[in-house]
N, C-alpha and C. Protein backbone atom coordinates (compact mmCIF):
# COMPACT_ATOMS: atom_id res chain seq x y z
N MET A 1 37.95 -41.84 -8.10
CA MET A 1 38.75 -40.77 -8.82
C MET A 1 37.98 -40.58 -10.68
N LYS A 2 38.12 -41.06 -10.86
CA LYS A 2 37.89 -40.85 -12.53
C LYS A 2 35.94 -39.82 -12.22
N LYS A 3 35.54 -40.83 -11.32
CA LYS A 3 33.74 -40.55 -11.62
C LYS A 3 33.71 -39.46 -11.23
N SER A 4 35.36 -38.83 -10.22
CA SER A 4 34.53 -37.03 -9.68
C SER A 4 35.53 -36.31 -10.36
N LEU A 5 35.81 -36.64 -11.26
CA LEU A 5 37.20 -35.65 -12.62
C LEU A 5 36.37 -35.72 -13.45
N VAL A 6 35.32 -36.31 -13.72
CA VAL A 6 34.52 -36.18 -15.37
C VAL A 6 33.00 -35.25 -14.79
N LEU A 7 32.97 -35.62 -13.44
CA LEU A 7 31.91 -34.29 -12.64
C LEU A 7 32.17 -33.32 -12.45
N ASN A 8 34.08 -33.26 -12.18
CA ASN A 8 34.60 -31.33 -12.38
C ASN A 8 34.62 -31.37 -14.30
N ILE A 9 35.09 -32.10 -14.50
CA ILE A 9 35.50 -31.24 -15.93
C ILE A 9 33.88 -31.10 -16.94
N LEU A 10 32.81 -31.79 -16.94
CA LEU A 10 31.35 -31.54 -16.82
C LEU A 10 30.93 -30.70 -16.27
N LEU A 11 31.29 -29.44 -14.92
CA LEU A 11 30.69 -28.84 -14.03
C LEU A 11 32.18 -27.16 -15.53
N LEU A 12 32.69 -27.63 -15.20
CA LEU A 12 33.82 -26.60 -15.62
C LEU A 12 33.20 -26.08 -17.42
N LEU A 13 32.68 -27.21 -18.09
CA LEU A 13 31.58 -27.16 -19.68
C LEU A 13 31.02 -26.19 -19.04
N CYS A 14 29.42 -26.54 -17.95
CA CYS A 14 27.93 -26.14 -18.20
C CYS A 14 28.75 -24.32 -17.67
N ILE A 15 29.64 -23.93 -16.73
CA ILE A 15 30.22 -22.63 -16.70
C ILE A 15 30.57 -21.90 -17.57
N SER A 16 31.65 -22.51 -18.72
CA SER A 16 32.10 -21.56 -20.33
C SER A 16 30.88 -21.45 -20.66
N VAL A 17 30.30 -22.15 -20.90
CA VAL A 17 29.10 -22.68 -21.80
C VAL A 17 28.31 -21.79 -21.58
N PHE A 18 28.37 -21.05 -19.64
CA PHE A 18 26.58 -19.66 -19.97
C PHE A 18 27.75 -18.78 -19.70
N ALA A 19 28.96 -18.55 -19.10
CA ALA A 19 29.50 -17.44 -19.29
C ALA A 19 29.70 -17.03 -20.66
N GLN A 20 29.37 -17.78 -21.61
CA GLN A 20 30.35 -17.56 -22.88
C GLN A 20 28.87 -16.91 -23.34
N GLY A 21 27.32 -17.46 -23.10
CA GLY A 21 25.95 -17.47 -23.44
C GLY A 21 25.30 -15.70 -22.64
N SER A 22 26.43 -15.84 -21.57
CA SER A 22 26.23 -14.68 -20.97
C SER A 22 26.38 -13.31 -21.78
N LYS A 23 27.78 -12.82 -22.16
CA LYS A 23 28.23 -12.85 -23.57
C LYS A 23 28.12 -12.01 -24.56
N GLN A 24 27.29 -13.45 -25.00
CA GLN A 24 26.49 -12.66 -25.77
C GLN A 24 25.17 -11.88 -26.24
N ALA A 25 25.27 -12.92 -25.07
CA ALA A 25 23.43 -11.70 -24.10
C ALA A 25 23.74 -10.68 -23.79
N MET A 26 24.50 -10.45 -23.91
CA MET A 26 25.22 -8.33 -23.51
C MET A 26 25.65 -8.08 -24.81
N GLU A 27 26.29 -9.09 -25.59
CA GLU A 27 26.47 -8.01 -27.03
C GLU A 27 24.61 -7.72 -27.55
N VAL A 28 24.43 -8.50 -27.68
CA VAL A 28 23.18 -8.87 -27.75
C VAL A 28 22.68 -7.09 -27.58
N LEU A 29 22.12 -6.98 -25.89
CA LEU A 29 21.56 -6.17 -25.63
C LEU A 29 22.00 -4.41 -26.21
N ASP A 30 23.62 -4.88 -25.73
CA ASP A 30 24.44 -3.57 -26.48
C ASP A 30 23.80 -2.84 -26.82
N LYS A 31 23.72 -3.58 -28.56
CA LYS A 31 23.42 -3.18 -29.74
C LYS A 31 22.32 -3.09 -30.19
N THR A 32 21.33 -4.01 -29.45
CA THR A 32 19.84 -3.56 -29.42
C THR A 32 20.13 -1.27 -28.00
N ALA A 33 20.75 -2.07 -27.75
CA ALA A 33 20.69 -0.37 -26.56
C ALA A 33 20.35 0.77 -27.40
N ALA A 34 21.91 0.49 -29.07
CA ALA A 34 22.77 1.70 -29.78
C ALA A 34 20.95 1.62 -30.47
N VAL A 35 20.59 1.08 -30.62
CA VAL A 35 19.33 1.09 -31.66
C VAL A 35 18.13 2.36 -30.87
N VAL A 36 17.51 1.51 -29.93
CA VAL A 36 16.69 2.30 -29.05
C VAL A 36 16.56 2.93 -28.39
N GLY A 37 17.89 3.09 -27.58
CA GLY A 37 18.50 4.76 -27.72
C GLY A 37 19.10 5.58 -28.31
N ARG A 38 19.28 5.91 -29.15
CA ARG A 38 19.99 6.52 -29.94
C ARG A 38 19.32 7.98 -29.05
N ASN A 39 20.48 8.84 -29.59
CA ASN A 39 20.57 10.12 -29.08
C ASN A 39 19.12 11.09 -29.53
N GLY A 40 18.96 11.06 -30.49
CA GLY A 40 17.36 11.85 -30.17
C GLY A 40 15.83 11.09 -30.19
N GLY A 41 15.41 10.34 -30.52
CA GLY A 41 14.85 9.74 -29.44
C GLY A 41 14.16 8.48 -30.78
N ALA A 42 12.97 8.37 -30.21
CA ALA A 42 12.28 6.51 -31.15
C ALA A 42 11.04 7.15 -31.56
N GLN A 43 10.15 5.98 -31.94
CA GLN A 43 8.27 6.06 -31.36
C GLN A 43 8.49 4.61 -31.93
N ALA A 44 7.35 3.95 -31.68
CA ALA A 44 7.20 2.48 -31.43
C ALA A 44 5.52 2.63 -31.57
N ASP A 45 4.02 1.23 -31.51
CA ASP A 45 3.36 1.61 -31.57
C ASP A 45 3.32 0.11 -30.63
N PHE A 46 2.29 -0.11 -29.34
CA PHE A 46 2.93 -1.48 -28.54
C PHE A 46 1.42 -1.82 -28.13
N THR A 47 1.06 -2.71 -27.16
CA THR A 47 0.30 -3.53 -26.80
C THR A 47 0.90 -3.80 -25.36
N VAL A 48 0.32 -3.87 -24.67
CA VAL A 48 0.87 -4.57 -23.49
C VAL A 48 -0.78 -5.50 -23.16
N SER A 49 -0.33 -6.37 -22.54
CA SER A 49 -1.65 -7.04 -21.32
C SER A 49 -0.89 -7.93 -20.44
N GLY A 50 -1.68 -7.97 -19.84
CA GLY A 50 -1.02 -8.92 -18.22
C GLY A 50 -2.82 -9.17 -17.32
N LYS A 51 -2.10 -9.15 -16.03
CA LYS A 51 -4.00 -10.10 -15.55
C LYS A 51 -3.90 -8.60 -14.60
N LYS A 52 -2.97 -7.46 -14.40
CA LYS A 52 -2.94 -6.16 -13.63
C LYS A 52 -3.21 -5.40 -14.65
N VAL A 53 -3.18 -5.51 -15.54
CA VAL A 53 -3.23 -4.31 -17.18
C VAL A 53 -4.20 -4.62 -17.52
N GLY A 54 -4.76 -4.98 -17.72
CA GLY A 54 -6.11 -6.34 -19.01
C GLY A 54 -4.58 -5.85 -19.98
N THR A 55 -5.77 -5.37 -21.07
CA THR A 55 -5.01 -5.66 -22.47
C THR A 55 -5.32 -3.93 -22.59
N GLN A 56 -4.14 -3.69 -23.39
CA GLN A 56 -3.91 -1.85 -24.02
C GLN A 56 -3.34 -1.91 -25.24
N THR A 57 -3.79 -0.80 -26.32
CA THR A 57 -2.56 -0.44 -27.00
C THR A 57 -2.58 0.67 -27.29
N GLY A 58 -1.78 0.95 -27.90
CA GLY A 58 -1.16 3.01 -27.61
C GLY A 58 -0.26 2.55 -28.77
N THR A 59 0.19 4.00 -28.15
CA THR A 59 1.58 4.49 -29.14
C THR A 59 3.12 4.81 -28.09
N ILE A 60 3.65 4.42 -27.86
CA ILE A 60 5.02 5.41 -27.43
C ILE A 60 5.94 6.48 -28.20
N ALA A 61 6.45 7.44 -27.95
CA ALA A 61 8.11 7.51 -28.02
C ALA A 61 8.86 7.59 -26.62
N ILE A 62 9.98 7.53 -27.02
CA ILE A 62 11.25 7.56 -26.71
C ILE A 62 12.46 8.20 -26.35
N LYS A 63 13.09 8.34 -25.16
CA LYS A 63 14.62 9.06 -25.57
C LYS A 63 15.72 9.36 -23.79
N GLY A 64 16.45 8.10 -24.67
CA GLY A 64 17.18 7.62 -23.51
C GLY A 64 16.00 7.17 -22.83
N ASN A 65 16.69 7.37 -21.14
CA ASN A 65 15.27 6.82 -20.30
C ASN A 65 13.55 7.32 -19.90
N MET A 66 13.69 8.25 -20.85
CA MET A 66 12.69 9.37 -21.15
C MET A 66 11.73 8.43 -21.29
N PHE A 67 10.32 8.64 -21.21
CA PHE A 67 8.89 8.32 -22.71
C PHE A 67 7.54 9.12 -22.38
N GLN A 68 7.05 9.07 -23.35
CA GLN A 68 5.67 9.17 -22.90
C GLN A 68 4.72 8.56 -23.99
N ALA A 69 3.70 8.21 -23.47
CA ALA A 69 2.70 6.65 -23.84
C ALA A 69 1.70 7.28 -23.76
N ARG A 70 0.91 6.70 -25.27
CA ARG A 70 -0.57 7.72 -24.86
C ARG A 70 -1.52 5.80 -25.97
N THR A 71 -2.67 5.86 -24.65
CA THR A 71 -3.98 4.34 -25.04
C THR A 71 -5.27 5.44 -25.06
N LYS A 72 -6.26 5.35 -25.85
CA LYS A 72 -7.49 5.35 -25.36
C LYS A 72 -7.82 6.32 -24.01
N LYS A 73 -7.13 4.75 -22.55
CA LYS A 73 -7.25 5.85 -21.43
C LYS A 73 -6.70 6.85 -20.70
N ALA A 74 -5.12 6.18 -21.20
CA ALA A 74 -4.71 6.90 -20.50
C ALA A 74 -3.69 8.01 -21.13
N VAL A 75 -2.45 8.76 -20.71
CA VAL A 75 -1.22 9.85 -20.61
C VAL A 75 -0.57 9.49 -20.36
N VAL A 76 0.58 9.13 -20.56
CA VAL A 76 1.64 8.89 -19.28
C VAL A 76 3.11 8.96 -20.00
N TRP A 77 3.51 10.41 -18.78
CA TRP A 77 4.79 11.54 -19.76
C TRP A 77 6.39 10.61 -18.05
N TYR A 78 6.95 11.11 -18.77
CA TYR A 78 8.37 9.89 -17.51
C TYR A 78 9.89 11.18 -17.84
N ASN A 79 9.73 12.30 -17.44
CA ASN A 79 11.23 12.52 -17.22
C ASN A 79 12.86 11.86 -17.42
N GLY A 80 12.44 10.77 -16.85
CA GLY A 80 13.14 10.31 -15.51
C GLY A 80 13.78 9.97 -14.37
N LYS A 81 12.88 11.24 -13.85
CA LYS A 81 12.79 10.46 -12.78
C LYS A 81 11.00 11.03 -12.13
N THR A 82 10.87 11.60 -13.04
CA THR A 82 9.00 11.99 -12.66
C THR A 82 7.77 11.02 -13.48
N GLN A 83 6.52 10.68 -13.19
CA GLN A 83 6.19 10.43 -13.86
C GLN A 83 4.74 11.07 -14.07
N TRP A 84 3.91 11.58 -14.28
CA TRP A 84 2.35 11.21 -14.52
C TRP A 84 1.70 11.11 -15.25
N SER A 85 0.70 10.56 -14.82
CA SER A 85 -0.10 9.39 -15.26
C SER A 85 -1.79 10.35 -15.74
N TYR A 86 -2.54 10.70 -16.69
CA TYR A 86 -3.23 11.23 -17.01
C TYR A 86 -4.45 10.05 -17.36
N LEU A 87 -5.65 9.91 -16.48
CA LEU A 87 -6.57 9.21 -16.65
C LEU A 87 -7.59 10.41 -17.33
N LYS A 88 -8.26 9.77 -18.46
CA LYS A 88 -9.07 10.76 -19.39
C LYS A 88 -10.61 10.59 -18.14
N MET A 89 -10.75 8.90 -17.89
CA MET A 89 -12.38 8.84 -17.49
C MET A 89 -12.66 9.32 -16.12
N THR A 90 -11.32 9.67 -14.78
CA THR A 90 -11.60 10.36 -14.44
C THR A 90 -10.87 12.06 -13.89
N ASN A 91 -9.92 12.72 -15.12
CA ASN A 91 -9.28 13.58 -15.57
C ASN A 91 -8.81 14.23 -14.10
N GLU A 92 -7.82 13.43 -14.26
CA GLU A 92 -6.66 13.20 -12.97
C GLU A 92 -5.96 12.74 -13.61
N VAL A 93 -4.69 13.56 -12.89
CA VAL A 93 -3.10 13.20 -13.26
C VAL A 93 -2.58 13.84 -12.06
N ASN A 94 -1.92 11.47 -12.17
CA ASN A 94 -1.09 11.28 -11.07
C ASN A 94 0.72 11.08 -11.22
N ILE A 95 0.72 12.48 -9.57
CA ILE A 95 2.39 12.01 -10.19
C ILE A 95 3.42 11.46 -9.25
N SER A 96 4.41 10.89 -9.61
CA SER A 96 4.68 9.57 -8.69
C SER A 96 6.20 9.51 -8.87
N THR A 97 6.74 8.90 -8.78
CA THR A 97 8.41 8.32 -8.92
C THR A 97 7.81 7.08 -8.64
N PRO A 98 7.80 6.79 -10.17
CA PRO A 98 7.56 4.63 -10.55
C PRO A 98 8.82 3.74 -10.37
N THR A 99 8.67 2.03 -10.10
CA THR A 99 9.84 1.82 -9.67
C THR A 99 9.86 1.08 -11.33
N GLU A 100 10.59 0.23 -11.94
CA GLU A 100 11.19 -0.20 -12.89
C GLU A 100 10.00 -1.03 -13.49
N ALA A 101 9.21 -2.35 -12.73
CA ALA A 101 8.54 -2.60 -13.21
C ALA A 101 6.97 -1.87 -13.90
N LYS A 102 6.80 -0.66 -12.94
CA LYS A 102 5.83 0.22 -13.55
C LYS A 102 5.85 0.92 -14.44
N ARG A 103 7.06 1.39 -14.45
CA ARG A 103 7.86 1.66 -16.10
C ARG A 103 7.54 0.96 -17.51
N MET A 104 8.29 -0.07 -16.73
CA MET A 104 8.14 -0.83 -18.17
C MET A 104 6.63 -1.75 -17.86
N SER A 105 5.84 -1.61 -17.65
CA SER A 105 5.11 -1.70 -17.45
C SER A 105 5.01 -0.92 -19.23
N MET A 106 4.98 0.17 -18.93
CA MET A 106 4.92 1.16 -20.60
C MET A 106 5.55 1.41 -20.49
N ASN A 107 7.21 1.28 -20.63
CA ASN A 107 7.54 1.58 -21.69
C ASN A 107 8.54 0.68 -21.60
N PRO A 108 8.47 -0.61 -22.62
CA PRO A 108 8.78 -1.93 -22.59
C PRO A 108 10.51 -1.81 -23.07
N CYS A 109 10.71 -0.56 -23.20
CA CYS A 109 12.70 -0.20 -23.61
C CYS A 109 12.62 -0.29 -22.38
N THR A 110 12.46 -0.10 -21.43
CA THR A 110 13.62 0.21 -20.20
C THR A 110 13.89 -0.46 -20.07
N PHE A 111 14.46 -2.03 -20.23
CA PHE A 111 15.64 -2.70 -19.76
C PHE A 111 16.87 -2.30 -20.28
N ILE A 112 16.39 -1.02 -21.34
CA ILE A 112 18.12 -0.51 -22.14
C ILE A 112 18.64 -0.08 -21.28
N SER A 113 18.39 0.32 -19.70
CA SER A 113 19.27 0.69 -18.42
C SER A 113 18.82 -0.33 -17.69
N MET A 114 18.42 -1.58 -17.35
CA MET A 114 18.87 -2.23 -16.62
C MET A 114 19.24 -3.74 -16.54
N TYR A 115 19.52 -3.57 -17.86
CA TYR A 115 19.98 -5.04 -18.12
C TYR A 115 21.78 -4.79 -17.57
N LYS A 116 22.72 -4.51 -17.54
CA LYS A 116 23.57 -4.08 -16.73
C LYS A 116 24.10 -4.28 -15.54
N ASN A 117 23.31 -4.52 -14.85
CA ASN A 117 23.57 -4.45 -13.19
C ASN A 117 22.74 -4.96 -12.73
N GLY A 118 23.04 -6.41 -11.72
CA GLY A 118 21.65 -7.00 -11.77
C GLY A 118 21.11 -7.52 -11.37
N TYR A 119 21.75 -8.89 -12.97
CA TYR A 119 20.86 -9.81 -13.40
C TYR A 119 21.47 -10.53 -14.29
N LYS A 120 21.25 -11.87 -14.07
CA LYS A 120 22.12 -12.52 -15.22
C LYS A 120 21.51 -13.40 -16.50
N LEU A 121 22.45 -13.40 -17.01
CA LEU A 121 21.61 -13.50 -19.22
C LEU A 121 21.47 -15.04 -19.37
N SER A 122 20.72 -15.08 -20.21
CA SER A 122 21.27 -16.18 -21.12
C SER A 122 20.70 -15.67 -22.20
N MET A 123 21.26 -16.50 -23.52
CA MET A 123 19.98 -15.84 -24.64
C MET A 123 20.29 -17.58 -25.74
N THR A 124 18.69 -17.34 -26.58
CA THR A 124 18.40 -18.82 -27.11
C THR A 124 17.78 -17.81 -28.58
N LYS A 125 17.90 -18.40 -29.60
CA LYS A 125 17.68 -18.56 -31.28
C LYS A 125 16.05 -19.11 -31.66
N ALA A 126 15.88 -18.35 -31.72
CA ALA A 126 14.71 -18.79 -32.75
C ALA A 126 13.52 -18.41 -34.28
N GLY A 127 14.14 -18.86 -35.04
CA GLY A 127 13.87 -18.02 -36.54
C GLY A 127 15.17 -17.07 -36.11
N GLY A 128 14.15 -15.84 -36.59
CA GLY A 128 15.43 -14.99 -36.60
C GLY A 128 15.35 -13.61 -35.86
N ASN A 129 15.54 -14.57 -34.78
CA ASN A 129 15.23 -13.57 -33.32
C ASN A 129 15.69 -13.86 -32.06
N TYR A 130 16.73 -13.65 -30.99
CA TYR A 130 17.16 -13.24 -30.31
C TYR A 130 16.36 -13.31 -29.28
N ILE A 131 16.36 -14.03 -28.34
CA ILE A 131 15.65 -14.47 -26.95
C ILE A 131 16.32 -14.15 -25.31
N VAL A 132 16.96 -12.66 -25.35
CA VAL A 132 17.63 -12.94 -24.38
C VAL A 132 16.96 -12.76 -23.52
N HIS A 133 16.93 -14.08 -22.26
CA HIS A 133 16.38 -14.20 -20.58
C HIS A 133 17.47 -13.45 -19.32
N MET A 134 16.37 -12.62 -18.84
CA MET A 134 17.67 -11.70 -17.60
C MET A 134 16.62 -12.63 -16.65
N ILE A 135 17.76 -12.71 -15.57
CA ILE A 135 17.15 -13.80 -14.35
C ILE A 135 17.64 -12.22 -12.96
N ALA A 136 16.75 -11.62 -12.16
CA ALA A 136 17.57 -10.44 -11.25
C ALA A 136 18.56 -11.22 -10.05
N GLU A 137 19.01 -10.75 -9.96
CA GLU A 137 20.14 -11.48 -8.32
C GLU A 137 19.96 -11.10 -6.61
N ASN A 138 19.22 -9.98 -7.04
CA ASN A 138 18.43 -9.21 -5.69
C ASN A 138 16.93 -9.79 -5.90
N LYS A 139 16.80 -10.41 -4.94
CA LYS A 139 14.89 -11.41 -4.90
C LYS A 139 14.01 -9.59 -5.05
N GLN A 140 14.63 -8.82 -4.28
CA GLN A 140 13.64 -7.70 -3.66
C GLN A 140 13.23 -6.41 -5.22
N ARG A 141 14.29 -7.30 -6.18
CA ARG A 141 13.96 -6.11 -7.45
C ARG A 141 12.73 -6.65 -8.09
N SER A 142 12.12 -5.20 -8.92
CA SER A 142 10.14 -5.15 -9.09
C SER A 142 10.65 -5.71 -9.91
N VAL A 143 11.00 -6.38 -10.86
CA VAL A 143 11.34 -6.60 -12.40
C VAL A 143 12.15 -8.12 -11.70
N GLN A 144 11.34 -9.19 -11.62
CA GLN A 144 12.42 -10.66 -11.31
C GLN A 144 12.54 -11.33 -13.19
N GLU A 145 12.70 -10.54 -14.08
CA GLU A 145 12.19 -12.00 -14.72
C GLU A 145 12.29 -11.82 -16.00
N ALA A 146 12.62 -11.26 -16.79
CA ALA A 146 12.20 -10.77 -18.39
C ALA A 146 12.99 -11.16 -19.77
N TYR A 147 11.78 -11.56 -20.50
CA TYR A 147 12.35 -12.73 -22.16
C TYR A 147 12.69 -11.26 -22.69
N ILE A 148 13.23 -11.46 -23.29
CA ILE A 148 13.16 -9.84 -24.26
C ILE A 148 13.31 -10.65 -26.56
N THR A 149 12.65 -10.60 -26.31
CA THR A 149 12.99 -10.68 -28.12
C THR A 149 13.89 -9.75 -29.38
N ILE A 150 15.06 -9.70 -29.99
CA ILE A 150 15.65 -9.29 -30.88
C ILE A 150 15.48 -9.47 -32.48
N ASN A 151 14.80 -8.82 -33.39
CA ASN A 151 15.06 -9.67 -33.86
C ASN A 151 17.09 -9.36 -34.90
N LYS A 152 17.47 -10.16 -35.59
CA LYS A 152 18.88 -10.90 -36.19
C LYS A 152 19.37 -9.70 -36.74
N GLY A 153 18.36 -8.75 -37.73
CA GLY A 153 19.08 -8.14 -38.21
C GLY A 153 19.11 -6.58 -37.86
N SER A 154 17.63 -6.26 -36.95
CA SER A 154 18.03 -4.68 -37.24
C SER A 154 17.81 -4.19 -35.82
N TYR A 155 18.09 -5.54 -34.83
CA TYR A 155 18.05 -5.37 -33.61
C TYR A 155 17.55 -4.84 -32.95
N LYS A 156 16.40 -4.50 -33.02
CA LYS A 156 15.55 -3.94 -32.76
C LYS A 156 14.13 -4.80 -31.16
N PRO A 157 13.65 -4.87 -30.59
CA PRO A 157 13.26 -5.71 -30.14
C PRO A 157 11.27 -5.59 -30.32
N SER A 158 10.81 -6.53 -30.71
CA SER A 158 8.99 -7.06 -30.93
C SER A 158 8.33 -7.73 -29.71
N GLU A 159 9.34 -7.75 -28.39
CA GLU A 159 8.52 -8.44 -27.08
C GLU A 159 9.37 -8.59 -26.53
N VAL A 160 8.32 -7.91 -24.79
CA VAL A 160 9.40 -8.44 -23.47
C VAL A 160 8.29 -8.95 -22.04
N LYS A 161 8.50 -9.55 -22.05
CA LYS A 161 7.33 -11.01 -21.26
C LYS A 161 8.81 -10.41 -19.90
N MET A 162 8.31 -10.06 -18.72
CA MET A 162 8.80 -9.03 -17.61
C MET A 162 7.13 -9.90 -17.00
N ARG A 163 8.28 -10.76 -15.63
CA ARG A 163 8.47 -10.80 -14.22
C ARG A 163 7.76 -10.02 -13.40
N GLN A 164 6.96 -9.70 -11.87
CA GLN A 164 6.66 -8.78 -10.79
C GLN A 164 5.90 -9.52 -9.93
N GLY A 165 6.65 -10.30 -8.88
CA GLY A 165 5.98 -11.40 -8.34
C GLY A 165 5.97 -12.99 -8.92
N ARG A 166 4.27 -13.14 -8.86
CA ARG A 166 3.78 -14.74 -10.02
C ARG A 166 2.90 -14.03 -11.17
N ASP A 167 3.32 -12.90 -11.23
CA ASP A 167 1.83 -11.86 -12.34
C ASP A 167 3.68 -11.97 -13.92
N TRP A 168 2.80 -12.93 -15.06
CA TRP A 168 3.91 -11.97 -16.19
C TRP A 168 2.29 -10.74 -16.64
N THR A 169 3.09 -9.70 -17.48
CA THR A 169 3.05 -9.48 -18.44
C THR A 169 3.56 -9.14 -20.05
N THR A 170 3.18 -9.17 -20.75
CA THR A 170 3.50 -9.17 -21.69
C THR A 170 3.69 -8.14 -22.84
N ILE A 171 4.39 -7.29 -23.14
CA ILE A 171 4.60 -6.56 -24.26
C ILE A 171 4.76 -6.61 -25.50
N THR A 172 4.45 -6.68 -26.50
CA THR A 172 4.86 -6.71 -27.13
C THR A 172 4.46 -5.30 -28.56
N ILE A 173 6.15 -5.00 -29.21
CA ILE A 173 6.39 -3.40 -29.70
C ILE A 173 6.76 -4.17 -31.73
N ARG A 174 4.91 -2.73 -32.60
CA ARG A 174 4.76 -3.24 -33.50
C ARG A 174 6.04 -1.49 -34.01
N ASN A 175 5.56 -1.47 -34.96
CA ASN A 175 6.67 -0.16 -36.22
C ASN A 175 7.12 0.96 -35.29
N PHE A 176 8.42 0.39 -34.62
CA PHE A 176 9.26 0.78 -34.49
C PHE A 176 10.01 2.47 -35.13
N VAL A 177 10.34 3.35 -35.14
CA VAL A 177 11.04 3.32 -36.00
C VAL A 177 11.83 5.28 -35.26
N ALA A 178 12.49 5.18 -36.12
CA ALA A 178 13.45 6.06 -35.62
C ALA A 178 12.82 8.01 -35.40
N LYS A 179 13.26 8.86 -34.58
CA LYS A 179 12.57 10.02 -35.22
C LYS A 179 12.86 10.82 -33.90
N ASP A 180 13.08 11.86 -33.95
CA ASP A 180 13.98 12.54 -32.59
C ASP A 180 12.46 13.50 -32.54
N GLN A 181 12.41 13.60 -31.08
CA GLN A 181 11.98 13.89 -29.88
C GLN A 181 12.08 14.62 -28.76
N PRO A 182 11.59 16.26 -29.14
CA PRO A 182 11.63 16.72 -28.02
C PRO A 182 11.54 16.38 -26.52
N ASP A 183 12.31 16.78 -25.39
CA ASP A 183 12.56 16.71 -24.33
C ASP A 183 11.51 17.02 -23.68
N SER A 184 10.49 18.57 -24.10
CA SER A 184 9.51 18.49 -22.98
C SER A 184 8.34 17.91 -24.38
N LYS A 185 8.11 17.03 -24.24
CA LYS A 185 8.03 15.92 -24.52
C LYS A 185 7.11 14.25 -23.92
N PHE A 186 8.45 14.92 -22.30
CA PHE A 186 7.91 13.93 -21.91
C PHE A 186 8.25 14.20 -20.97
N SER A 187 7.64 15.45 -20.52
CA SER A 187 6.97 16.80 -19.07
C SER A 187 5.86 16.47 -18.83
N PHE A 188 4.30 16.29 -17.57
CA PHE A 188 3.35 16.73 -18.65
C PHE A 188 3.31 18.62 -17.77
N ASN A 189 2.66 18.89 -19.03
CA ASN A 189 1.44 20.52 -19.31
C ASN A 189 0.38 21.33 -18.78
N ALA A 190 1.41 21.42 -17.59
CA ALA A 190 -0.25 21.90 -16.88
C ALA A 190 -1.36 22.95 -17.80
N LYS A 191 -1.19 23.11 -18.69
CA LYS A 191 -2.08 24.09 -19.64
C LYS A 191 -2.50 23.46 -20.21
N ASP A 192 -2.41 23.33 -21.06
CA ASP A 192 -2.59 21.56 -21.84
C ASP A 192 -4.40 20.82 -21.46
N PHE A 193 -4.22 21.01 -20.04
CA PHE A 193 -4.57 20.05 -18.91
C PHE A 193 -5.79 21.34 -18.52
N PRO A 194 -5.80 21.75 -18.38
CA PRO A 194 -6.11 23.02 -17.11
C PRO A 194 -7.99 22.59 -16.05
N LYS A 195 -8.50 21.89 -16.49
CA LYS A 195 -8.94 21.44 -15.91
C LYS A 195 -8.83 20.41 -15.31
N ALA A 196 -7.62 19.79 -15.17
CA ALA A 196 -8.00 18.45 -13.86
C ALA A 196 -6.56 18.47 -13.43
N ASP A 197 -7.14 17.76 -11.93
CA ASP A 197 -7.17 17.05 -10.46
C ASP A 197 -6.04 16.97 -10.57
N VAL A 198 -4.65 17.87 -10.02
CA VAL A 198 -3.10 16.82 -10.08
C VAL A 198 -3.64 16.08 -8.77
N ILE A 199 -2.55 15.39 -8.19
CA ILE A 199 -2.12 14.30 -6.96
C ILE A 199 -1.44 13.97 -7.15
N ASP A 200 -0.39 14.78 -5.97
CA ASP A 200 1.39 14.19 -5.84
C ASP A 200 0.68 13.39 -4.94
N LEU A 201 1.11 11.47 -5.08
CA LEU A 201 1.29 10.90 -4.81
C LEU A 201 2.90 10.51 -4.33
N ARG A 202 3.88 11.61 -4.69
CA ARG A 202 5.63 11.30 -4.38
C ARG A 202 5.81 10.25 -2.94
């Protein structure tokens, strides 16, 4: 009887600590989302590395859930619904409706529109950073797991690690600054690439 009582108390304590950690993680992500998702927009430099994408370095402009990412090999526009990917080597533009994982692989700040629904949250602290752990409740979700490293003082993200299937992709974020962006920046303009082949994959 006593052993059962002790186990129940320990279980309740564990649940309480987990709930508290989840609440704190949510609060940190809320503050980060306010910084990253400012109405006017922002920009940053990034490096993405992983088994499927190799290593790519580039710049990104964001506004809400829209983004434009540029690397040496490609330019990607996303207006919140449709994505255009221009491949410099082939002079092709692929039009698609990307999954969360595909958007996140080019826009490390996609997590600001993901964390509120369908993820269990927990958090640890390391030096001057918070590290938020996200685990998908639905096994069919394209991003099953993610770690977000966030600066304690500025609430700016510095690293995003995400798992799709068994493969991990790591995105480091540098020089994040607030900067107003026009909405037109997040849609492909055919006039700028008159000789490109446009392929609709939707």
